[in-house]
Amino acid sequence: AAAKSKAPVMACDSANPMPFGSAPHMTERVQKNLSDWINSTEACNLQDEAALRKDKMVKVVKTLLLLKYLKHDNEPIEVIKGLYIGSIGAAHNRPALKENNITHVLTAARGLPTPFPEDFEYQSIEVLDKADVDIS
């Protein structure tokens, strides 16, 4: 899903209401409030832009890692007779899955699609690939 940029929400400055003084004084206050608002909006926009850039960088890194695994770590390894383990690259290697007579694939990851639902039975466990995640 594409990230949506949110317009900054500004609150009224109720602690410092516009004074009912002379016109020149009000003009200064209006200019200061306008300047403060513009600066706040720019800061919000910069934060939004930084968050968008970070999201894009994370997606690029994930894509590069996926490409690496698809190319270099794409073979299922037999752990015991009839039970294989492999990376996302192995799960996307249809010929290797077929050659090893694999019929069922268990995915332990978050948000990965099933690449060949017409050829294999899939079950997914939504977990993060982190050491501190409880998978019991």
Protein backbone atom coordinates (compact mmCIF):
# COMPACT_ATOMS: atom_id res chain seq x y z
CA ALA A 1 0.00 0.00 0.00
CA ALA A 2 1.33 3.40 -0.89
CA ALA A 3 2.02 5.79 1.95
CA LYS A 4 -0.33 8.77 2.03
CA SER A 5 0.99 12.18 2.92
CA LYS A 6 -1.04 13.79 5.67
CA ALA A 7 -1.66 17.50 5.80
CA PRO A 8 -0.39 18.94 9.07
CA VAL A 9 -3.01 19.73 11.66
CA MET A 10 -2.56 23.07 13.34
CA ALA A 11 -4.04 24.04 16.70
CA CYS A 12 -5.13 27.55 17.63
CA ASP A 13 -2.86 29.43 19.97
CA SER A 14 -5.41 29.91 22.75
CA ALA A 15 -2.71 30.78 25.31
CA ASN A 16 -1.75 33.87 23.30
CA PRO A 17 -4.90 35.20 21.61
CA MET A 18 -4.65 38.04 19.16
CA PRO A 19 -4.48 41.28 21.18
CA PHE A 20 -7.05 43.99 20.57
CA GLY A 21 -4.42 46.70 20.43
CA SER A 22 -3.63 49.24 17.77
CA ALA A 23 -3.51 48.27 14.11
CA PRO A 24 0.35 48.28 13.90
CA HIS A 25 0.52 45.99 16.95
CA MET A 26 -2.05 43.63 15.45
CA THR A 27 -0.15 43.56 12.19
CA GLU A 28 3.06 42.51 13.96
CA ARG A 29 1.15 39.81 15.86
CA VAL A 30 -0.52 38.57 12.65
CA GLN A 31 2.85 38.45 10.88
CA LYS A 32 4.41 36.57 13.79
CA ASN A 33 1.53 34.08 13.95
CA LEU A 34 1.66 33.59 10.19
CA SER A 35 5.43 33.10 10.30
CA ASP A 36 5.09 30.61 13.18
CA TRP A 37 2.39 28.73 11.29
CA ILE A 38 4.45 28.58 8.09
CA ASN A 39 7.48 27.33 10.01
CA SER A 40 5.36 24.70 11.78
CA THR A 41 3.87 23.58 8.47
CA GLU A 42 7.32 23.34 6.91
CA ALA A 43 8.56 21.30 9.89
CA CYS A 44 5.58 18.95 9.59
CA ASN A 45 6.14 18.60 5.86
CA LEU A 46 9.83 17.87 6.41
CA GLN A 47 8.94 15.20 8.97
CA ASP A 48 6.42 13.68 6.53
CA GLU A 49 9.01 13.74 3.74
CA ALA A 50 11.61 12.10 6.00
CA ALA A 51 9.12 9.37 6.97
CA LEU A 52 8.27 8.77 3.30
CA ARG A 53 11.97 8.60 2.38
CA LYS A 54 12.56 6.12 5.22
CA ASP A 55 9.63 3.96 4.07
CA LYS A 56 10.95 3.96 0.51
CA MET A 57 14.46 3.04 1.69
CA VAL A 58 13.11 0.14 3.75
CA LYS A 59 11.19 -1.13 0.70
CA VAL A 60 14.30 -0.87 -1.48
CA VAL A 61 16.42 -2.78 1.05
CA LYS A 62 13.75 -5.49 1.39
CA THR A 63 13.56 -5.80 -2.39
CA LEU A 64 17.34 -6.05 -2.71
CA LEU A 65 17.45 -8.74 -0.01
CA LEU A 66 14.64 -10.63 -1.72
CA LEU A 67 16.52 -10.53 -5.02
CA LYS A 68 19.67 -11.78 -3.28
CA TYR A 69 17.82 -14.71 -1.69
CA LEU A 70 16.00 -15.54 -4.92
CA LYS A 71 19.32 -15.75 -6.75
CA HIS A 72 21.82 -17.09 -4.20
CA ASP A 73 19.83 -18.92 -1.52
CA ASN A 74 17.22 -20.70 -3.57
CA GLU A 75 17.60 -24.40 -2.79
CA PRO A 76 15.51 -26.27 -0.24
CA ILE A 77 17.69 -28.35 2.10
CA GLU A 78 16.54 -31.75 3.37
CA VAL A 79 16.69 -31.77 7.18
CA ILE A 80 15.30 -35.29 7.63
CA LYS A 81 13.80 -37.59 5.03
CA GLY A 82 10.87 -35.75 3.46
CA LEU A 83 11.28 -32.52 5.48
CA TYR A 84 12.97 -29.56 3.86
CA ILE A 85 13.87 -26.09 5.06
CA GLY A 86 14.74 -23.09 2.96
CA SER A 87 14.69 -19.35 2.55
CA ILE A 88 12.24 -17.26 0.59
CA GLY A 89 14.45 -17.99 -2.40
CA ALA A 90 13.83 -21.72 -2.02
CA ALA A 91 10.09 -21.12 -1.61
CA HIS A 92 10.11 -19.29 -4.97
CA ASN A 93 12.11 -21.97 -6.81
CA ARG A 94 9.31 -24.03 -8.39
CA PRO A 95 11.63 -26.45 -10.24
CA ALA A 96 13.56 -27.28 -7.04
CA LEU A 97 10.33 -27.75 -5.07
CA LYS A 98 8.98 -30.09 -7.78
CA GLU A 99 12.29 -32.00 -8.10
CA ASN A 100 12.22 -32.74 -4.36
CA ASN A 101 8.54 -33.81 -4.47
CA ILE A 102 7.59 -31.04 -2.04
CA THR A 103 3.81 -30.73 -1.84
CA HIS A 104 3.29 -28.44 1.18
CA VAL A 105 5.03 -25.20 2.11
CA LEU A 106 4.97 -23.64 5.58
CA THR A 107 5.86 -19.94 5.51
CA ALA A 108 7.07 -18.45 8.79
CA ALA A 109 7.15 -14.75 7.94
CA ARG A 110 4.93 -11.73 7.87
CA GLY A 111 3.19 -10.59 4.70
CA LEU A 112 4.69 -12.91 2.10
CA PRO A 113 2.45 -14.04 -0.74
CA THR A 114 2.10 -17.65 -1.83
CA PRO A 115 3.99 -17.82 -5.14
CA PHE A 116 2.50 -21.04 -6.59
CA PRO A 117 -0.91 -21.71 -5.03
CA GLU A 118 -1.91 -23.89 -8.00
CA ASP A 119 1.05 -26.26 -7.40
CA PHE A 120 1.48 -26.46 -3.62
CA GLU A 121 -0.53 -26.37 -0.40
CA TYR A 122 0.44 -23.40 1.77
CA GLN A 123 0.17 -22.60 5.44
CA SER A 124 1.48 -19.34 6.89
CA ILE A 125 2.54 -18.34 10.38
CA GLU A 126 2.73 -14.55 10.67
CA VAL A 127 5.93 -13.90 12.65
CA LEU A 128 8.74 -11.38 12.49
CA ASP A 129 12.24 -12.66 11.76
CA LYS A 130 13.75 -11.41 15.00
CA ALA A 131 15.54 -13.22 17.82
CA ASP A 132 13.24 -11.87 20.55
CA VAL A 133 9.96 -12.99 18.90
CA ASP A 134 8.13 -15.72 20.82
CA ILE A 135 7.11 -18.43 18.34
CA SER A 136 5.76 -20.92 20.88
